[in-house]
Amino acid sequence: MANKPRLQQAYEDTIREKMVEKYGYGNPHQVPRLEKITLNMGVGQAIGDKKILDLAIDAMTQIAGQKPVTTLARKSIAGFRLREGMPIGCMVTLRRQHMYEFFDRLVAIVLPRVRDFRGISRKAFDGNGNYTMGLTEQLVFPELNPDKFTRPQGMNITFVTTAQSDEEARTLLEFFGMPFKQPAKKNDAA
């Protein structure tokens, strides 16, 4: 096998041991791990203009390094001129090496480029150890050419872990270097 991504190596070398130390797992298969990362882009303007969806797919391909799947409308909504089966977005699922490489770029390069960034929310867990965050602007990814992608487009990024609780998943993502906001401190000197 060629070079392992930096975060995958860190997980195997130190993060697993830190998780066992903190939570005292008896079985090595109990230690939570990152299973996949899903990127999802909803493109509502694609109803009126098909080229907008093609641009979003092109951007997602450059960001993820693999071709996304087009997502279709599940039901018709007359008020939005939306019919069932119309293409209205794209998504891609990253696993193994692609997942670790994307996660490394996200934490080290992309999030520091977000304007007025003070950390991501600690509360966006789903109760099963999965975390979802949103980016309002795709141009924070350095691989995108701002001259080509002029329309602002956001995306959702979901981190799926094997953790049993949100606390374990938060600890795992913190060990990976995820920049969570610091918890608010209570004033005891009142």
Protein backbone atom coordinates (compact mmCIF):
# COMPACT_ATOMS: atom_id res chain seq x y z
CA MET A 1 0.00 0.00 0.00
CA ALA A 2 1.22 3.49 -0.86
CA ASN A 3 1.35 6.40 1.56
CA LYS A 4 -1.42 6.47 4.13
CA PRO A 5 -3.17 9.80 4.63
CA ARG A 6 -1.88 11.76 7.61
CA LEU A 7 -5.11 11.53 9.63
CA GLN A 8 -5.48 7.79 8.99
CA GLN A 9 -1.95 7.26 10.30
CA ALA A 10 -2.71 9.46 13.32
CA TYR A 11 -5.87 7.44 14.03
CA GLU A 12 -4.01 4.14 13.93
CA ASP A 13 -1.03 5.42 15.95
CA THR A 14 -2.46 7.67 18.64
CA ILE A 15 -6.19 8.47 18.42
CA ARG A 16 -7.32 4.86 19.00
CA GLU A 17 -5.12 4.65 22.10
CA LYS A 18 -6.45 7.98 23.43
CA MET A 19 -10.04 6.80 22.96
CA VAL A 20 -9.34 3.51 24.80
CA GLU A 21 -7.62 5.48 27.57
CA LYS A 22 -10.56 7.87 27.96
CA TYR A 23 -13.47 5.42 27.67
CA GLY A 24 -11.85 2.09 28.64
CA TYR A 25 -13.04 -0.10 25.77
CA GLY A 26 -12.39 -3.81 26.35
CA ASN A 27 -12.66 -4.88 22.72
CA PRO A 28 -10.65 -3.16 19.95
CA HIS A 29 -13.75 -3.23 17.71
CA GLN A 30 -15.64 -1.04 20.21
CA VAL A 31 -13.32 1.91 19.56
CA PRO A 32 -15.27 4.44 17.45
CA ARG A 33 -13.94 5.20 14.01
CA LEU A 34 -14.86 7.48 11.13
CA GLU A 35 -16.90 5.43 8.66
CA LYS A 36 -17.66 7.89 5.86
CA ILE A 37 -18.06 11.56 4.98
CA THR A 38 -20.98 12.63 2.82
CA LEU A 39 -21.05 15.92 0.92
CA ASN A 40 -24.46 17.15 -0.20
CA MET A 41 -25.33 20.17 -2.33
CA GLY A 42 -28.94 21.19 -2.84
CA VAL A 43 -29.29 23.36 -5.93
CA GLY A 44 -32.76 24.89 -5.89
CA GLN A 45 -32.03 27.19 -8.86
CA ALA A 46 -31.54 24.07 -11.02
CA ILE A 47 -35.31 24.03 -11.60
CA GLY A 48 -35.02 27.04 -13.89
CA ASP A 49 -31.52 26.54 -15.29
CA LYS A 50 -29.85 23.17 -15.87
CA LYS A 51 -26.40 24.79 -16.24
CA ILE A 52 -26.40 25.74 -12.54
CA LEU A 53 -26.63 22.06 -11.57
CA ASP A 54 -23.82 21.20 -14.01
CA LEU A 55 -21.61 23.86 -12.36
CA ALA A 56 -22.43 22.45 -8.91
CA ILE A 57 -21.55 18.92 -10.06
CA ASP A 58 -18.27 20.21 -11.51
CA ALA A 59 -17.44 22.01 -8.25
CA MET A 60 -18.29 18.93 -6.17
CA THR A 61 -16.08 16.78 -8.42
CA GLN A 62 -13.12 19.11 -7.84
CA ILE A 63 -13.74 19.32 -4.08
CA ALA A 64 -14.24 15.60 -3.46
CA GLY A 65 -11.97 14.14 -6.11
CA GLN A 66 -14.71 11.81 -7.38
CA LYS A 67 -17.85 12.24 -9.46
CA PRO A 68 -21.02 12.98 -7.46
CA VAL A 69 -24.43 11.39 -7.91
CA THR A 70 -27.31 13.63 -9.01
CA THR A 71 -30.13 13.76 -6.46
CA LEU A 72 -33.72 13.86 -7.67
CA ALA A 73 -36.82 15.46 -6.19
CA ARG A 74 -38.86 12.92 -4.20
CA LYS A 75 -42.20 14.64 -4.68
CA SER A 76 -43.82 17.40 -6.69
CA ILE A 77 -44.33 20.85 -5.15
CA ALA A 78 -46.40 23.14 -7.38
CA GLY A 79 -45.42 26.34 -5.54
CA PHE A 80 -41.76 25.76 -6.41
CA ARG A 81 -42.51 24.47 -9.95
CA LEU A 82 -40.88 21.22 -8.87
CA ARG A 83 -41.85 17.85 -10.29
CA GLU A 84 -41.04 14.45 -8.90
CA GLY A 85 -37.84 13.08 -10.46
CA MET A 86 -36.33 16.46 -11.42
CA PRO A 87 -32.57 16.77 -10.70
CA ILE A 88 -32.17 19.29 -7.85
CA GLY A 89 -28.78 18.56 -6.28
CA CYS A 90 -25.76 16.31 -6.02
CA MET A 91 -23.99 14.30 -3.36
CA VAL A 92 -20.85 12.24 -2.94
CA THR A 93 -19.81 9.73 -0.29
CA LEU A 94 -16.13 9.51 0.65
CA ARG A 95 -14.67 6.44 2.31
CA ARG A 96 -11.21 5.16 3.29
CA GLN A 97 -8.27 7.20 1.95
CA HIS A 98 -10.39 9.79 0.09
CA MET A 99 -12.29 10.41 3.34
CA TYR A 100 -9.15 11.00 5.43
CA GLU A 101 -7.57 13.22 2.76
CA PHE A 102 -10.72 15.35 2.49
CA PHE A 103 -11.02 15.60 6.30
CA ASP A 104 -7.38 16.71 6.55
CA ARG A 105 -7.90 19.42 3.90
CA LEU A 106 -11.14 20.55 5.58
CA VAL A 107 -9.56 20.99 9.01
CA ALA A 108 -6.15 22.31 7.95
CA ILE A 109 -6.97 24.50 4.94
CA VAL A 110 -10.68 25.12 4.36
CA LEU A 111 -12.10 25.98 7.79
CA PRO A 112 -9.34 28.53 8.58
CA ARG A 113 -10.29 30.31 5.32
CA VAL A 114 -13.92 30.83 6.42
CA ARG A 115 -14.52 34.49 7.19
CA ASP A 116 -15.06 35.31 10.92
CA PHE A 117 -14.52 31.67 11.87
CA ARG A 118 -14.71 31.00 15.61
CA GLY A 119 -15.21 27.25 15.57
CA ILE A 120 -18.03 24.94 14.59
CA SER A 121 -21.07 24.14 16.69
CA ARG A 122 -20.74 21.46 19.37
CA LYS A 123 -24.44 20.61 19.16
CA ALA A 124 -24.99 19.43 15.57
CA PHE A 125 -24.95 15.72 16.46
CA ASP A 126 -27.92 13.50 15.62
CA GLY A 127 -27.99 11.38 18.79
CA ASN A 128 -26.30 8.41 17.11
CA GLY A 129 -22.76 9.78 16.92
CA ASN A 130 -23.03 11.43 13.49
CA TYR A 131 -22.16 15.09 12.94
CA THR A 132 -23.46 17.42 10.23
CA MET A 133 -22.11 20.87 9.46
CA GLY A 134 -22.89 23.36 6.73
CA LEU A 135 -20.73 25.64 4.65
CA THR A 136 -22.43 28.66 3.12
CA GLU A 137 -19.74 29.27 0.51
CA GLN A 138 -17.96 26.66 -1.60
CA LEU A 139 -15.17 29.03 -2.65
CA VAL A 140 -13.33 28.45 0.64
CA PHE A 141 -11.98 25.33 -1.08
CA PRO A 142 -8.70 26.41 -2.72
CA GLU A 143 -9.10 23.98 -5.65
CA LEU A 144 -12.04 25.98 -7.04
CA ASN A 145 -11.39 28.80 -9.50
CA PRO A 146 -13.37 31.87 -8.35
CA ASP A 147 -13.64 33.09 -11.95
CA LYS A 148 -15.51 29.94 -13.03
CA PHE A 149 -17.72 29.47 -9.95
CA THR A 150 -19.23 32.92 -9.48
CA ARG A 151 -22.58 31.89 -7.95
CA PRO A 152 -22.43 31.34 -4.17
CA GLN A 153 -23.32 27.75 -3.35
CA GLY A 154 -23.31 26.06 0.03
CA MET A 155 -23.13 22.43 1.07
CA ASN A 156 -23.73 20.08 3.98
CA ILE A 157 -20.95 17.81 5.23
CA THR A 158 -21.90 14.79 7.34
CA PHE A 159 -19.38 12.77 9.34
CA VAL A 160 -20.66 9.24 10.03
CA THR A 161 -18.92 7.52 12.94
CA THR A 162 -19.38 4.17 14.66
CA ALA A 163 -19.61 5.92 18.05
CA GLN A 164 -22.51 4.89 20.31
CA SER A 165 -23.05 8.38 21.75
CA ASP A 166 -22.62 11.99 20.72
CA GLU A 167 -20.02 12.53 23.46
CA GLU A 168 -17.80 9.73 22.09
CA ALA A 169 -18.20 11.06 18.56
CA ARG A 170 -17.33 14.62 19.68
CA THR A 171 -14.21 13.33 21.44
CA LEU A 172 -13.19 11.35 18.34
CA LEU A 173 -13.63 14.37 16.05
CA GLU A 174 -11.73 16.60 18.52
CA PHE A 175 -8.82 14.14 18.48
CA PHE A 176 -8.88 14.39 14.66
CA GLY A 177 -8.47 18.16 15.03
CA MET A 178 -12.02 19.36 14.41
CA PRO A 179 -12.17 23.00 15.64
CA PHE A 180 -15.25 22.98 17.89
CA LYS A 181 -16.29 26.15 19.71
CA GLN A 182 -15.22 26.16 23.33
CA PRO A 183 -18.09 25.44 25.73
CA ALA A 184 -19.50 28.56 27.38
CA LYS A 185 -18.10 29.11 30.86
CA LYS A 186 -20.51 29.80 33.72
CA ASN A 187 -19.93 32.85 35.92
CA ASP A 188 -19.42 31.67 39.48
CA ALA A 189 -18.14 35.03 40.77
CA ALA A 190 -21.55 36.70 40.71
